[in-house]
Amino acid sequence: MAADANGQPYNINADTIAGELSAALSAEKLILLTDTPGILKDYHDPSTLYNKLDIQEARALIDSGIVSGGMIPKVTCCVRALAQGVRGAHIIDGRVPHSLLLETFTNSGIGSMLVASHQTA
């Protein structure tokens, strides 16, 4: 929740705030912990995880309906953060023990990593 100068309350998505803050702070990475493995082609099948994608691919997944529901604000905030200079964004399953370490300190990671473009990653 947040309020404007007149005290009008607003319900603001936490992912949106995290993405905007990461851009404003010139963060190296934005990491979103969620209750799914990451971005999935088929949300019923964890083996369809997208390990790495760029802004254009992420937008196409939203447009095609593959990214839907609660994943839309997560992917959108990652795209916005990347477009504003954040170098990498990650969507990972926070229920997995050591998920943050596995994502950031292994070559393969365990979630979905988004980058501005594949040329700069």
PDB file of N, CA and C in Angstrom:
ATOM      1  N   MET A   1       0.839  -1.173   0.000  1.00  0.00           N
ATOM      2  CA  MET A   1       0.000   0.000   0.000  1.00  0.00           C
ATOM      3  C   MET A   1       0.888   1.242   0.000  1.00  0.00           C
ATOM      4  N   ALA A   2       0.391   2.259  -0.658  1.00  0.00           N
ATOM      5  CA  ALA A   2       1.071   3.557  -0.670  1.00  0.00           C
ATOM      6  C   ALA A   2      -0.007   4.625  -0.728  1.00  0.00           C
ATOM      7  N   ALA A   3       0.389   5.840  -0.447  1.00  0.00           N
ATOM      8  CA  ALA A   3      -0.572   6.951  -0.469  1.00  0.00           C
ATOM      9  C   ALA A   3       0.029   8.118  -1.232  1.00  0.00           C
ATOM     10  N   ASP A   4      -0.845   8.897  -1.862  1.00  0.00           N
ATOM     11  CA  ASP A   4      -0.384  10.102  -2.539  1.00  0.00           C
ATOM     12  C   ASP A   4      -0.319  11.260  -1.542  1.00  0.00           C
ATOM     13  N   ALA A   5      -0.013  12.455  -2.020  1.00  0.00           N
ATOM     14  CA  ALA A   5       0.156  13.625  -1.150  1.00  0.00           C
ATOM     15  C   ALA A   5      -1.121  13.978  -0.395  1.00  0.00           C
ATOM     16  N   ASN A   6      -2.271  13.559  -0.921  1.00  0.00           N
ATOM     17  CA  ASN A   6      -3.558  13.843  -0.271  1.00  0.00           C
ATOM     18  C   ASN A   6      -4.029  12.708   0.632  1.00  0.00           C
ATOM     19  N   GLY A   7      -3.225  11.675   0.770  1.00  0.00           N
ATOM     20  CA  GLY A   7      -3.597  10.554   1.627  1.00  0.00           C
ATOM     21  C   GLY A   7      -4.423   9.490   0.936  1.00  0.00           C
ATOM     22  N   GLN A   8      -4.637   9.626  -0.371  1.00  0.00           N
ATOM     23  CA  GLN A   8      -5.398   8.628  -1.135  1.00  0.00           C
ATOM     24  C   GLN A   8      -4.582   7.333  -1.180  1.00  0.00           C
ATOM     25  N   PRO A   9      -5.120   6.215  -0.643  1.00  0.00           N
ATOM     26  CA  PRO A   9      -4.352   4.964  -0.653  1.00  0.00           C
ATOM     27  C   PRO A   9      -4.397   4.286  -2.031  1.00  0.00           C
ATOM     28  N   TYR A  10      -3.307   3.596  -2.351  1.00  0.00           N
ATOM     29  CA  TYR A  10      -3.203   2.849  -3.600  1.00  0.00           C
ATOM     30  C   TYR A  10      -2.616   1.474  -3.296  1.00  0.00           C
ATOM     31  N   ASN A  11      -3.122   0.469  -3.984  1.00  0.00           N
ATOM     32  CA  ASN A  11      -2.569  -0.875  -3.891  1.00  0.00           C
ATOM     33  C   ASN A  11      -1.526  -0.995  -5.001  1.00  0.00           C
ATOM     34  N   ILE A  12      -0.271  -1.100  -4.625  1.00  0.00           N
ATOM     35  CA  ILE A  12       0.815  -1.133  -5.589  1.00  0.00           C
ATOM     36  C   ILE A  12       1.456  -2.514  -5.566  1.00  0.00           C
ATOM     37  N   ASN A  13       1.668  -3.074  -6.745  1.00  0.00           N
ATOM     38  CA  ASN A  13       2.281  -4.393  -6.860  1.00  0.00           C
ATOM     39  C   ASN A  13       3.725  -4.337  -6.369  1.00  0.00           C
ATOM     40  N   ALA A  14       4.094  -5.250  -5.479  1.00  0.00           N
ATOM     41  CA  ALA A  14       5.442  -5.278  -4.902  1.00  0.00           C
ATOM     42  C   ALA A  14       6.509  -5.533  -5.963  1.00  0.00           C
ATOM     43  N   ASP A  15       6.204  -6.356  -6.965  1.00  0.00           N
ATOM     44  CA  ASP A  15       7.168  -6.610  -8.030  1.00  0.00           C
ATOM     45  C   ASP A  15       7.456  -5.328  -8.804  1.00  0.00           C
ATOM     46  N   THR A  16       6.414  -4.547  -9.056  1.00  0.00           N
ATOM     47  CA  THR A  16       6.573  -3.286  -9.773  1.00  0.00           C
ATOM     48  C   THR A  16       7.491  -2.342  -8.994  1.00  0.00           C
ATOM     49  N   ILE A  17       7.263  -2.240  -7.698  1.00  0.00           N
ATOM     50  CA  ILE A  17       8.102  -1.388  -6.852  1.00  0.00           C
ATOM     51  C   ILE A  17       9.545  -1.885  -6.862  1.00  0.00           C
ATOM     52  N   ALA A  18       9.749  -3.182  -6.734  1.00  0.00           N
ATOM     53  CA  ALA A  18      11.103  -3.738  -6.729  1.00  0.00           C
ATOM     54  C   ALA A  18      11.832  -3.426  -8.034  1.00  0.00           C
ATOM     55  N   GLY A  19      11.142  -3.560  -9.138  1.00  0.00           N
ATOM     56  CA  GLY A  19      11.752  -3.269 -10.434  1.00  0.00           C
ATOM     57  C   GLY A  19      12.133  -1.811 -10.578  1.00  0.00           C
ATOM     58  N   GLU A  20      11.232  -0.929 -10.181  1.00  0.00           N
ATOM     59  CA  GLU A  20      11.516   0.504 -10.285  1.00  0.00           C
ATOM     60  C   GLU A  20      12.646   0.912  -9.341  1.00  0.00           C
ATOM     61  N   LEU A  21      12.660   0.354  -8.137  1.00  0.00           N
ATOM     62  CA  LEU A  21      13.748   0.658  -7.203  1.00  0.00           C
ATOM     63  C   LEU A  21      15.092   0.157  -7.726  1.00  0.00           C
ATOM     64  N   SER A  22      15.103  -1.027  -8.306  1.00  0.00           N
ATOM     65  CA  SER A  22      16.362  -1.560  -8.835  1.00  0.00           C
ATOM     66  C   SER A  22      16.908  -0.644  -9.927  1.00  0.00           C
ATOM     67  N   ALA A  23      16.035  -0.119 -10.766  1.00  0.00           N
ATOM     68  CA  ALA A  23      16.474   0.805 -11.818  1.00  0.00           C
ATOM     69  C   ALA A  23      16.950   2.126 -11.213  1.00  0.00           C
ATOM     70  N   ALA A  24      16.192   2.667 -10.274  1.00  0.00           N
ATOM     71  CA  ALA A  24      16.548   3.955  -9.658  1.00  0.00           C
ATOM     72  C   ALA A  24      17.879   3.870  -8.910  1.00  0.00           C
ATOM     73  N   LEU A  25      18.182   2.708  -8.352  1.00  0.00           N
ATOM     74  CA  LEU A  25      19.419   2.512  -7.600  1.00  0.00           C
ATOM     75  C   LEU A  25      20.581   2.035  -8.475  1.00  0.00           C
ATOM     76  N   SER A  26      20.321   1.906  -9.783  1.00  0.00           N
ATOM     77  CA  SER A  26      21.328   1.385 -10.718  1.00  0.00           C
ATOM     78  C   SER A  26      21.868   0.035 -10.250  1.00  0.00           C
ATOM     79  N   ALA A  27      20.951  -0.832  -9.844  1.00  0.00           N
ATOM     80  CA  ALA A  27      21.332  -2.153  -9.337  1.00  0.00           C
ATOM     81  C   ALA A  27      21.938  -3.006 -10.449  1.00  0.00           C
ATOM     82  N   GLU A  28      22.831  -3.872 -10.062  1.00  0.00           N
ATOM     83  CA  GLU A  28      23.413  -4.834 -10.989  1.00  0.00           C
ATOM     84  C   GLU A  28      22.377  -5.890 -11.366  1.00  0.00           C
ATOM     85  N   LYS A  29      21.601  -6.364 -10.365  1.00  0.00           N
ATOM     86  CA  LYS A  29      20.621  -7.428 -10.578  1.00  0.00           C
ATOM     87  C   LYS A  29      19.330  -7.132  -9.829  1.00  0.00           C
ATOM     88  N   LEU A  30      18.256  -7.617 -10.401  1.00  0.00           N
ATOM     89  CA  LEU A  30      16.952  -7.660  -9.750  1.00  0.00           C
ATOM     90  C   LEU A  30      16.619  -9.135  -9.594  1.00  0.00           C
ATOM     91  N   ILE A  31      16.317  -9.560  -8.381  1.00  0.00           N
ATOM     92  CA  ILE A  31      15.977 -10.960  -8.139  1.00  0.00           C
ATOM     93  C   ILE A  31      14.607 -11.026  -7.487  1.00  0.00           C
ATOM     94  N   LEU A  32      13.684 -11.703  -8.151  1.00  0.00           N
ATOM     95  CA  LEU A  32      12.343 -11.890  -7.630  1.00  0.00           C
ATOM     96  C   LEU A  32      12.192 -13.335  -7.173  1.00  0.00           C
ATOM     97  N   LEU A  33      11.825 -13.501  -5.912  1.00  0.00           N
ATOM     98  CA  LEU A  33      11.544 -14.836  -5.378  1.00  0.00           C
ATOM     99  C   LEU A  33      10.040 -15.064  -5.462  1.00  0.00           C
ATOM    100  N   THR A  34       9.659 -16.206  -5.969  1.00  0.00           N
ATOM    101  CA  THR A  34       8.248 -16.520  -6.141  1.00  0.00           C
ATOM    102  C   THR A  34       8.002 -17.977  -5.781  1.00  0.00           C
ATOM    103  N   ASP A  35       6.821 -18.474  -6.097  1.00  0.00           N
ATOM    104  CA  ASP A  35       6.493 -19.859  -5.770  1.00  0.00           C
ATOM    105  C   ASP A  35       6.377 -20.725  -7.020  1.00  0.00           C
ATOM    106  N   THR A  36       7.081 -20.332  -8.072  1.00  0.00           N
ATOM    107  CA  THR A  36       7.171 -21.129  -9.289  1.00  0.00           C
ATOM    108  C   THR A  36       8.638 -21.216  -9.683  1.00  0.00           C
ATOM    109  N   PRO A  37       9.017 -22.194 -10.511  1.00  0.00           N
ATOM    110  CA  PRO A  37      10.421 -22.342 -10.899  1.00  0.00           C
ATOM    111  C   PRO A  37      10.982 -21.160 -11.696  1.00  0.00           C
ATOM    112  N   GLY A  38      10.121 -20.381 -12.301  1.00  0.00           N
ATOM    113  CA  GLY A  38      10.516 -19.273 -13.161  1.00  0.00           C
ATOM    114  C   GLY A  38       9.482 -19.141 -14.259  1.00  0.00           C
ATOM    115  N   ILE A  39       9.914 -18.707 -15.433  1.00  0.00           N
ATOM    116  CA  ILE A  39       9.008 -18.575 -16.570  1.00  0.00           C
ATOM    117  C   ILE A  39       8.921 -19.928 -17.265  1.00  0.00           C
ATOM    118  N   LEU A  40       7.715 -20.441 -17.371  1.00  0.00           N
ATOM    119  CA  LEU A  40       7.488 -21.761 -17.963  1.00  0.00           C
ATOM    120  C   LEU A  40       6.690 -21.651 -19.251  1.00  0.00           C
ATOM    121  N   LYS A  41       7.058 -22.437 -20.253  1.00  0.00           N
ATOM    122  CA  LYS A  41       6.256 -22.504 -21.482  1.00  0.00           C
ATOM    123  C   LYS A  41       4.895 -23.110 -21.169  1.00  0.00           C
ATOM    124  N   ASP A  42       4.894 -24.148 -20.320  1.00  0.00           N
ATOM    125  CA  ASP A  42       3.664 -24.787 -19.859  1.00  0.00           C
ATOM    126  C   ASP A  42       3.692 -24.757 -18.340  1.00  0.00           C
ATOM    127  N   TYR A  43       2.860 -23.935 -17.731  1.00  0.00           N
ATOM    128  CA  TYR A  43       2.949 -23.737 -16.285  1.00  0.00           C
ATOM    129  C   TYR A  43       2.667 -25.002 -15.478  1.00  0.00           C
ATOM    130  N   HIS A  44       2.196 -26.061 -16.115  1.00  0.00           N
ATOM    131  CA  HIS A  44       2.000 -27.340 -15.432  1.00  0.00           C
ATOM    132  C   HIS A  44       3.244 -28.211 -15.481  1.00  0.00           C
ATOM    133  N   ASP A  45       4.242 -27.814 -16.267  1.00  0.00           N
ATOM    134  CA  ASP A  45       5.402 -28.668 -16.510  1.00  0.00           C
ATOM    135  C   ASP A  45       6.703 -27.913 -16.224  1.00  0.00           C
ATOM    136  N   PRO A  46       7.324 -28.143 -15.059  1.00  0.00           N
ATOM    137  CA  PRO A  46       8.564 -27.451 -14.709  1.00  0.00           C
ATOM    138  C   PRO A  46       9.717 -27.693 -15.684  1.00  0.00           C
ATOM    139  N   SER A  47       9.636 -28.766 -16.470  1.00  0.00           N
ATOM    140  CA  SER A  47      10.718 -29.040 -17.429  1.00  0.00           C
ATOM    141  C   SER A  47      10.695 -28.057 -18.607  1.00  0.00           C
ATOM    142  N   THR A  48       9.664 -27.223 -18.699  1.00  0.00           N
ATOM    143  CA  THR A  48       9.566 -26.257 -19.797  1.00  0.00           C
ATOM    144  C   THR A  48      10.087 -24.878 -19.394  1.00  0.00           C
ATOM    145  N   LEU A  49      10.944 -24.852 -18.388  1.00  0.00           N
ATOM    146  CA  LEU A  49      11.511 -23.605 -17.878  1.00  0.00           C
ATOM    147  C   LEU A  49      12.360 -22.906 -18.938  1.00  0.00           C
ATOM    148  N   TYR A  50      12.138 -21.621 -19.086  1.00  0.00           N
ATOM    149  CA  TYR A  50      13.029 -20.778 -19.882  1.00  0.00           C
ATOM    150  C   TYR A  50      14.168 -20.362 -18.958  1.00  0.00           C
ATOM    151  N   ASN A  51      15.378 -20.838 -19.234  1.00  0.00           N
ATOM    152  CA  ASN A  51      16.521 -20.510 -18.379  1.00  0.00           C
ATOM    153  C   ASN A  51      17.026 -19.094 -18.614  1.00  0.00           C
ATOM    154  N   LYS A  52      17.015 -18.662 -19.869  1.00  0.00           N
ATOM    155  CA  LYS A  52      17.531 -17.333 -20.204  1.00  0.00           C
ATOM    156  C   LYS A  52      16.769 -16.773 -21.393  1.00  0.00           C
ATOM    157  N   LEU A  53      16.363 -15.511 -21.263  1.00  0.00           N
ATOM    158  CA  LEU A  53      15.694 -14.850 -22.364  1.00  0.00           C
ATOM    159  C   LEU A  53      15.974 -13.352 -22.302  1.00  0.00           C
ATOM    160  N   ASP A  54      15.802 -12.707 -23.448  1.00  0.00           N
ATOM    161  CA  ASP A  54      16.042 -11.269 -23.490  1.00  0.00           C
ATOM    162  C   ASP A  54      14.712 -10.512 -23.496  1.00  0.00           C
ATOM    163  N   ILE A  55      14.806  -9.199 -23.513  1.00  0.00           N
ATOM    164  CA  ILE A  55      13.616  -8.349 -23.431  1.00  0.00           C
ATOM    165  C   ILE A  55      12.605  -8.683 -24.528  1.00  0.00           C
ATOM    166  N   GLN A  56      13.084  -8.829 -25.757  1.00  0.00           N
ATOM    167  CA  GLN A  56      12.170  -9.095 -26.871  1.00  0.00           C
ATOM    168  C   GLN A  56      11.461 -10.434 -26.700  1.00  0.00           C
ATOM    169  N   GLU A  57      12.187 -11.445 -26.268  1.00  0.00           N
ATOM    170  CA  GLU A  57      11.581 -12.757 -26.041  1.00  0.00           C
ATOM    171  C   GLU A  57      10.566 -12.689 -24.900  1.00  0.00           C
ATOM    172  N   ALA A  58      10.887 -11.962 -23.841  1.00  0.00           N
ATOM    173  CA  ALA A  58       9.964 -11.831 -22.710  1.00  0.00           C
ATOM    174  C   ALA A  58       8.677 -11.129 -23.133  1.00  0.00           C
ATOM    175  N   ARG A  59       8.805 -10.055 -23.895  1.00  0.00           N
ATOM    176  CA  ARG A  59       7.611  -9.351 -24.386  1.00  0.00           C
ATOM    177  C   ARG A  59       6.765 -10.247 -25.277  1.00  0.00           C
ATOM    178  N   ALA A  60       7.420 -11.038 -26.118  1.00  0.00           N
ATOM    179  CA  ALA A  60       6.689 -11.947 -27.008  1.00  0.00           C
ATOM    180  C   ALA A  60       5.928 -13.005 -26.207  1.00  0.00           C
ATOM    181  N   LEU A  61       6.492 -13.469 -25.106  1.00  0.00           N
ATOM    182  CA  LEU A  61       5.804 -14.457 -24.273  1.00  0.00           C
ATOM    183  C   LEU A  61       4.567 -13.861 -23.607  1.00  0.00           C
ATOM    184  N   ILE A  62       4.630 -12.587 -23.241  1.00  0.00           N
ATOM    185  CA  ILE A  62       3.448 -11.915 -22.698  1.00  0.00           C
ATOM    186  C   ILE A  62       2.401 -11.765 -23.790  1.00  0.00           C
ATOM    187  N   ASP A  63       2.829 -11.275 -24.954  1.00  0.00           N
ATOM    188  CA  ASP A  63       1.897 -11.048 -26.063  1.00  0.00           C
ATOM    189  C   ASP A  63       1.211 -12.328 -26.523  1.00  0.00           C
ATOM    190  N   SER A  64       1.940 -13.452 -26.460  1.00  0.00           N
ATOM    191  CA  SER A  64       1.378 -14.722 -26.928  1.00  0.00           C
ATOM    192  C   SER A  64       0.499 -15.401 -25.875  1.00  0.00           C
ATOM    193  N   GLY A  65       0.537 -14.903 -24.641  1.00  0.00           N
ATOM    194  CA  GLY A  65      -0.266 -15.507 -23.579  1.00  0.00           C
ATOM    195  C   GLY A  65       0.448 -16.602 -22.810  1.00  0.00           C
ATOM    196  N   ILE A  66       1.692 -16.917 -23.189  1.00  0.00           N
ATOM    197  CA  ILE A  66       2.437 -17.927 -22.434  1.00  0.00           C
ATOM    198  C   ILE A  66       2.698 -17.414 -21.023  1.00  0.00           C
ATOM    199  N   VAL A  67       3.101 -16.160 -20.912  1.00  0.00           N
ATOM    200  CA  VAL A  67       3.205 -15.509 -19.603  1.00  0.00           C
ATOM    201  C   VAL A  67       1.838 -14.892 -19.328  1.00  0.00           C
ATOM    202  N   SER A  68       1.218 -15.308 -18.220  1.00  0.00           N
ATOM    203  CA  SER A  68      -0.134 -14.832 -17.922  1.00  0.00           C
ATOM    204  C   SER A  68      -0.304 -14.701 -16.413  1.00  0.00           C
ATOM    205  N   GLY A  69      -1.443 -14.195 -16.022  1.00  0.00           N
ATOM    206  CA  GLY A  69      -1.793 -14.088 -14.604  1.00  0.00           C
ATOM    207  C   GLY A  69      -0.766 -13.311 -13.813  1.00  0.00           C
ATOM    208  N   GLY A  70      -0.387 -13.865 -12.663  1.00  0.00           N
ATOM    209  CA  GLY A  70       0.537 -13.206 -11.761  1.00  0.00           C
ATOM    210  C   GLY A  70       1.960 -13.097 -12.269  1.00  0.00           C
ATOM    211  N   MET A  71       2.287 -13.825 -13.332  1.00  0.00           N
ATOM    212  CA  MET A  71       3.626 -13.710 -13.896  1.00  0.00           C
ATOM    213  C   MET A  71       3.769 -12.453 -14.756  1.00  0.00           C
ATOM    214  N   ILE A  72       2.672 -11.896 -15.242  1.00  0.00           N
ATOM    215  CA  ILE A  72       2.764 -10.699 -16.091  1.00  0.00           C
ATOM    216  C   ILE A  72       3.460  -9.546 -15.361  1.00  0.00           C
ATOM    217  N   PRO A  73       3.029  -9.175 -14.136  1.00  0.00           N
ATOM    218  CA  PRO A  73       3.746  -8.071 -13.482  1.00  0.00           C
ATOM    219  C   PRO A  73       5.202  -8.400 -13.164  1.00  0.00           C
ATOM    220  N   LYS A  74       5.507  -9.655 -12.891  1.00  0.00           N
ATOM    221  CA  LYS A  74       6.890 -10.042 -12.618  1.00  0.00           C
ATOM    222  C   LYS A  74       7.759  -9.857 -13.861  1.00  0.00           C
ATOM    223  N   VAL A  75       7.307 -10.387 -14.979  1.00  0.00           N
ATOM    224  CA  VAL A  75       8.086 -10.287 -16.208  1.00  0.00           C
ATOM    225  C   VAL A  75       8.135  -8.835 -16.684  1.00  0.00           C
ATOM    226  N   THR A  76       7.028  -8.127 -16.577  1.00  0.00           N
ATOM    227  CA  THR A  76       6.994  -6.726 -16.998  1.00  0.00           C
ATOM    228  C   THR A  76       7.960  -5.874 -16.196  1.00  0.00           C
ATOM    229  N   CYS A  77       8.007  -6.082 -14.887  1.00  0.00           N
ATOM    230  CA  CYS A  77       8.930  -5.270 -14.081  1.00  0.00           C
ATOM    231  C   CYS A  77      10.371  -5.616 -14.404  1.00  0.00           C
ATOM    232  N   CYS A  78      10.655  -6.878 -14.722  1.00  0.00           N
ATOM    233  CA  CYS A  78      12.008  -7.247 -15.139  1.00  0.00           C
ATOM    234  C   CYS A  78      12.383  -6.549 -16.446  1.00  0.00           C
ATOM    235  N   VAL A  79      11.475  -6.562 -17.397  1.00  0.00           N
ATOM    236  CA  VAL A  79      11.714  -5.906 -18.685  1.00  0.00           C
ATOM    237  C   VAL A  79      11.961  -4.411 -18.483  1.00  0.00           C
ATOM    238  N   ARG A  80      11.129  -3.769 -17.676  1.00  0.00           N
ATOM    239  CA  ARG A  80      11.297  -2.327 -17.421  1.00  0.00           C
ATOM    240  C   ARG A  80      12.630  -2.042 -16.742  1.00  0.00           C
ATOM    241  N   ALA A  81      13.001  -2.864 -15.763  1.00  0.00           N
ATOM    242  CA  ALA A  81      14.273  -2.661 -15.069  1.00  0.00           C
ATOM    243  C   ALA A  81      15.446  -2.807 -16.034  1.00  0.00           C
ATOM    244  N   LEU A  82      15.404  -3.828 -16.876  1.00  0.00           N
ATOM    245  CA  LEU A  82      16.468  -4.033 -17.853  1.00  0.00           C
ATOM    246  C   LEU A  82      16.549  -2.866 -18.834  1.00  0.00           C
ATOM    247  N   ALA A  83      15.404  -2.383 -19.271  1.00  0.00           N
ATOM    248  CA  ALA A  83      15.370  -1.258 -20.207  1.00  0.00           C
ATOM    249  C   ALA A  83      15.937   0.019 -19.589  1.00  0.00           C
ATOM    250  N   GLN A  84      15.934   0.074 -18.256  1.00  0.00           N
ATOM    251  CA  GLN A  84      16.447   1.256 -17.552  1.00  0.00           C
ATOM    252  C   GLN A  84      17.863   1.047 -17.024  1.00  0.00           C
ATOM    253  N   GLY A  85      18.524  -0.025 -17.446  1.00  0.00           N
ATOM    254  CA  GLY A  85      19.932  -0.187 -17.127  1.00  0.00           C
ATOM    255  C   GLY A  85      20.325  -1.284 -16.165  1.00  0.00           C
ATOM    256  N   VAL A  86      19.370  -1.943 -15.526  1.00  0.00           N
ATOM    257  CA  VAL A  86      19.717  -3.080 -14.670  1.00  0.00           C
ATOM    258  C   VAL A  86      20.282  -4.165 -15.589  1.00  0.00           C
ATOM    259  N   ARG A  87      21.371  -4.797 -15.188  1.00  0.00           N
ATOM    260  CA  ARG A  87      22.071  -5.713 -16.098  1.00  0.00           C
ATOM    261  C   ARG A  87      21.462  -7.095 -16.184  1.00  0.00           C
ATOM    262  N   GLY A  88      20.789  -7.538 -15.134  1.00  0.00           N
ATOM    263  CA  GLY A  88      20.184  -8.859 -15.156  1.00  0.00           C
ATOM    264  C   GLY A  88      19.012  -8.923 -14.201  1.00  0.00           C
ATOM    265  N   ALA A  89      18.025  -9.718 -14.552  1.00  0.00           N
ATOM    266  CA  ALA A  89      16.860  -9.919 -13.688  1.00  0.00           C
ATOM    267  C   ALA A  89      16.603 -11.421 -13.613  1.00  0.00           C
ATOM    268  N   HIS A  90      16.240 -11.870 -12.429  1.00  0.00           N
ATOM    269  CA  HIS A  90      16.043 -13.299 -12.204  1.00  0.00           C
ATOM    270  C   HIS A  90      14.692 -13.530 -11.530  1.00  0.00           C
ATOM    271  N   ILE A  91      13.999 -14.548 -11.994  1.00  0.00           N
ATOM    272  CA  ILE A  91      12.772 -14.995 -11.350  1.00  0.00           C
ATOM    273  C   ILE A  91      13.041 -16.424 -10.903  1.00  0.00           C
ATOM    274  N   ILE A  92      13.041 -16.638  -9.569  1.00  0.00           N
ATOM    275  CA  ILE A  92      13.400 -17.951  -9.051  1.00  0.00           C
ATOM    276  C   ILE A  92      12.416 -18.394  -7.975  1.00  0.00           C
ATOM    277  N   ASP A  93      12.404 -19.687  -7.755  1.00  0.00           N
ATOM    278  CA  ASP A  93      11.510 -20.293  -6.768  1.00  0.00           C
ATOM    279  C   ASP A  93      12.135 -20.171  -5.381  1.00  0.00           C
ATOM    280  N   GLY A  94      11.572 -19.313  -4.560  1.00  0.00           N
ATOM    281  CA  GLY A  94      12.084 -19.088  -3.219  1.00  0.00           C
ATOM    282  C   GLY A  94      11.841 -20.246  -2.265  1.00  0.00           C
ATOM    283  N   ARG A  95      11.047 -21.231  -2.679  1.00  0.00           N
ATOM    284  CA  ARG A  95      10.785 -22.395  -1.815  1.00  0.00           C
ATOM    285  C   ARG A  95      11.923 -23.407  -1.869  1.00  0.00           C
ATOM    286  N   VAL A  96      12.762 -23.308  -2.878  1.00  0.00           N
ATOM    287  CA  VAL A  96      13.872 -24.254  -3.054  1.00  0.00           C
ATOM    288  C   VAL A  96      15.009 -23.856  -2.115  1.00  0.00           C
ATOM    289  N   PRO A  97      15.492 -24.806  -1.294  1.00  0.00           N
ATOM    290  CA  PRO A  97      16.612 -24.472  -0.408  1.00  0.00           C
ATOM    291  C   PRO A  97      17.808 -23.938  -1.202  1.00  0.00           C
ATOM    292  N   HIS A  98      18.373 -22.858  -0.716  1.00  0.00           N
ATOM    293  CA  HIS A  98      19.559 -22.239  -1.314  1.00  0.00           C
ATOM    294  C   HIS A  98      19.324 -21.719  -2.733  1.00  0.00           C
ATOM    295  N   SER A  99      18.078 -21.406  -3.080  1.00  0.00           N
ATOM    296  CA  SER A  99      17.754 -20.989  -4.444  1.00  0.00           C
ATOM    297  C   SER A  99      18.544 -19.759  -4.884  1.00  0.00           C
ATOM    298  N   LEU A 100      18.713 -18.809  -4.006  1.00  0.00           N
ATOM    299  CA  LEU A 100      19.445 -17.598  -4.352  1.00  0.00           C
ATOM    300  C   LEU A 100      20.907 -17.926  -4.675  1.00  0.00           C
ATOM    301  N   LEU A 101      21.523 -18.768  -3.871  1.00  0.00           N
ATOM    302  CA  LEU A 101      22.909 -19.169  -4.127  1.00  0.00           C
ATOM    303  C   LEU A 101      23.025 -19.962  -5.424  1.00  0.00           C
ATOM    304  N   LEU A 102      22.101 -20.887  -5.637  1.00  0.00           N
ATOM    305  CA  LEU A 102      22.134 -21.711  -6.846  1.00  0.00           C
ATOM    306  C   LEU A 102      21.952 -20.863  -8.103  1.00  0.00           C
ATOM    307  N   GLU A 103      21.110 -19.855  -8.038  1.00  0.00           N
ATOM    308  CA  GLU A 103      20.878 -19.007  -9.205  1.00  0.00           C
ATOM    309  C   GLU A 103      22.065 -18.099  -9.494  1.00  0.00           C
ATOM    310  N   THR A 104      22.656 -17.547  -8.460  1.00  0.00           N
ATOM    311  CA  THR A 104      23.692 -16.543  -8.694  1.00  0.00           C
ATOM    312  C   THR A 104      25.109 -17.109  -8.782  1.00  0.00           C
ATOM    313  N   PHE A 105      25.356 -18.283  -8.219  1.00  0.00           N
ATOM    314  CA  PHE A 105      26.723 -18.793  -8.198  1.00  0.00           C
ATOM    315  C   PHE A 105      26.941 -20.075  -8.985  1.00  0.00           C
ATOM    316  N   THR A 106      25.986 -20.456  -9.824  1.00  0.00           N
ATOM    317  CA  THR A 106      26.198 -21.595 -10.715  1.00  0.00           C
ATOM    318  C   THR A 106      26.009 -21.131 -12.150  1.00  0.00           C
ATOM    319  N   ASN A 107      26.623 -21.833 -13.081  1.00  0.00           N
ATOM    320  CA  ASN A 107      26.517 -21.455 -14.487  1.00  0.00           C
ATOM    321  C   ASN A 107      25.109 -21.644 -15.031  1.00  0.00           C
ATOM    322  N   SER A 108      24.428 -22.703 -14.608  1.00  0.00           N
ATOM    323  CA  SER A 108      23.113 -23.002 -15.160  1.00  0.00           C
ATOM    324  C   SER A 108      21.980 -22.317 -14.405  1.00  0.00           C
ATOM    325  N   GLY A 109      22.178 -22.002 -13.121  1.00  0.00           N
ATOM    326  CA  GLY A 109      21.101 -21.409 -12.330  1.00  0.00           C
ATOM    327  C   GLY A 109      19.963 -22.390 -12.143  1.00  0.00           C
ATOM    328  N   ILE A 110      18.881 -21.909 -11.515  1.00  0.00           N
ATOM    329  CA  ILE A 110      17.715 -22.779 -11.323  1.00  0.00           C
ATOM    330  C   ILE A 110      16.426 -22.105 -11.745  1.00  0.00           C
ATOM    331  N   GLY A 111      16.479 -20.831 -12.102  1.00  0.00           N
ATOM    332  CA  GLY A 111      15.280 -20.099 -12.469  1.00  0.00           C
ATOM    333  C   GLY A 111      15.402 -19.524 -13.857  1.00  0.00           C
ATOM    334  N   SER A 112      14.694 -18.426 -14.086  1.00  0.00           N
ATOM    335  CA  SER A 112      14.730 -17.733 -15.371  1.00  0.00           C
ATOM    336  C   SER A 112      15.528 -16.449 -15.222  1.00  0.00           C
ATOM    337  N   MET A 113      16.523 -16.291 -16.078  1.00  0.00           N
ATOM    338  CA  MET A 113      17.316 -15.069 -16.098  1.00  0.00           C
ATOM    339  C   MET A 113      16.929 -14.267 -17.326  1.00  0.00           C
ATOM    340  N   LEU A 114      16.652 -12.987 -17.112  1.00  0.00           N
ATOM    341  CA  LEU A 114      16.339 -12.087 -18.209  1.00  0.00           C
ATOM    342  C   LEU A 114      17.481 -11.099 -18.366  1.00  0.00           C
ATOM    343  N   VAL A 115      17.835 -10.829 -19.618  1.00  0.00           N
ATOM    344  CA  VAL A 115      18.903  -9.880 -19.934  1.00  0.00           C
ATOM    345  C   VAL A 115      18.380  -8.911 -20.972  1.00  0.00           C
ATOM    346  N   ALA A 116      19.076  -7.777 -21.127  1.00  0.00           N
ATOM    347  CA  ALA A 116      18.645  -6.771 -22.093  1.00  0.00           C
ATOM    348  C   ALA A 116      18.682  -7.345 -23.503  1.00  0.00           C
ATOM    349  N   SER A 117      19.788  -7.993 -23.860  1.00  0.00           N
ATOM    350  CA  SER A 117      19.896  -8.678 -25.136  1.00  0.00           C
ATOM    351  C   SER A 117      20.929  -9.780 -24.985  1.00  0.00           C
ATOM    352  N   HIS A 118      20.837 -10.787 -25.827  1.00  0.00           N
ATOM    353  CA  HIS A 118      21.773 -11.906 -25.725  1.00  0.00           C
ATOM    354  C   HIS A 118      23.200 -11.480 -26.071  1.00  0.00           C
ATOM    355  N   GLN A 119      23.381 -10.408 -26.832  1.00  0.00           N
ATOM    356  CA  GLN A 119      24.709  -9.950 -27.203  1.00  0.00           C
ATOM    357  C   GLN A 119      25.477  -9.387 -26.013  1.00  0.00           C
ATOM    358  N   THR A 120      24.756  -8.795 -25.022  1.00  0.00           N
ATOM    359  CA  THR A 120      25.426  -8.158 -23.905  1.00  0.00           C
ATOM    360  C   THR A 120      25.501  -9.042 -22.670  1.00  0.00           C
ATOM    361  N   ALA A 121      24.953 -10.234 -22.731  1.00  0.00           N
ATOM    362  CA  ALA A 121      24.921 -11.093 -21.538  1.00  0.00           C
ATOM    363  C   ALA A 121      26.171 -11.913 -21.418  1.00  0.00           C
TER     364      ALA A 121
END
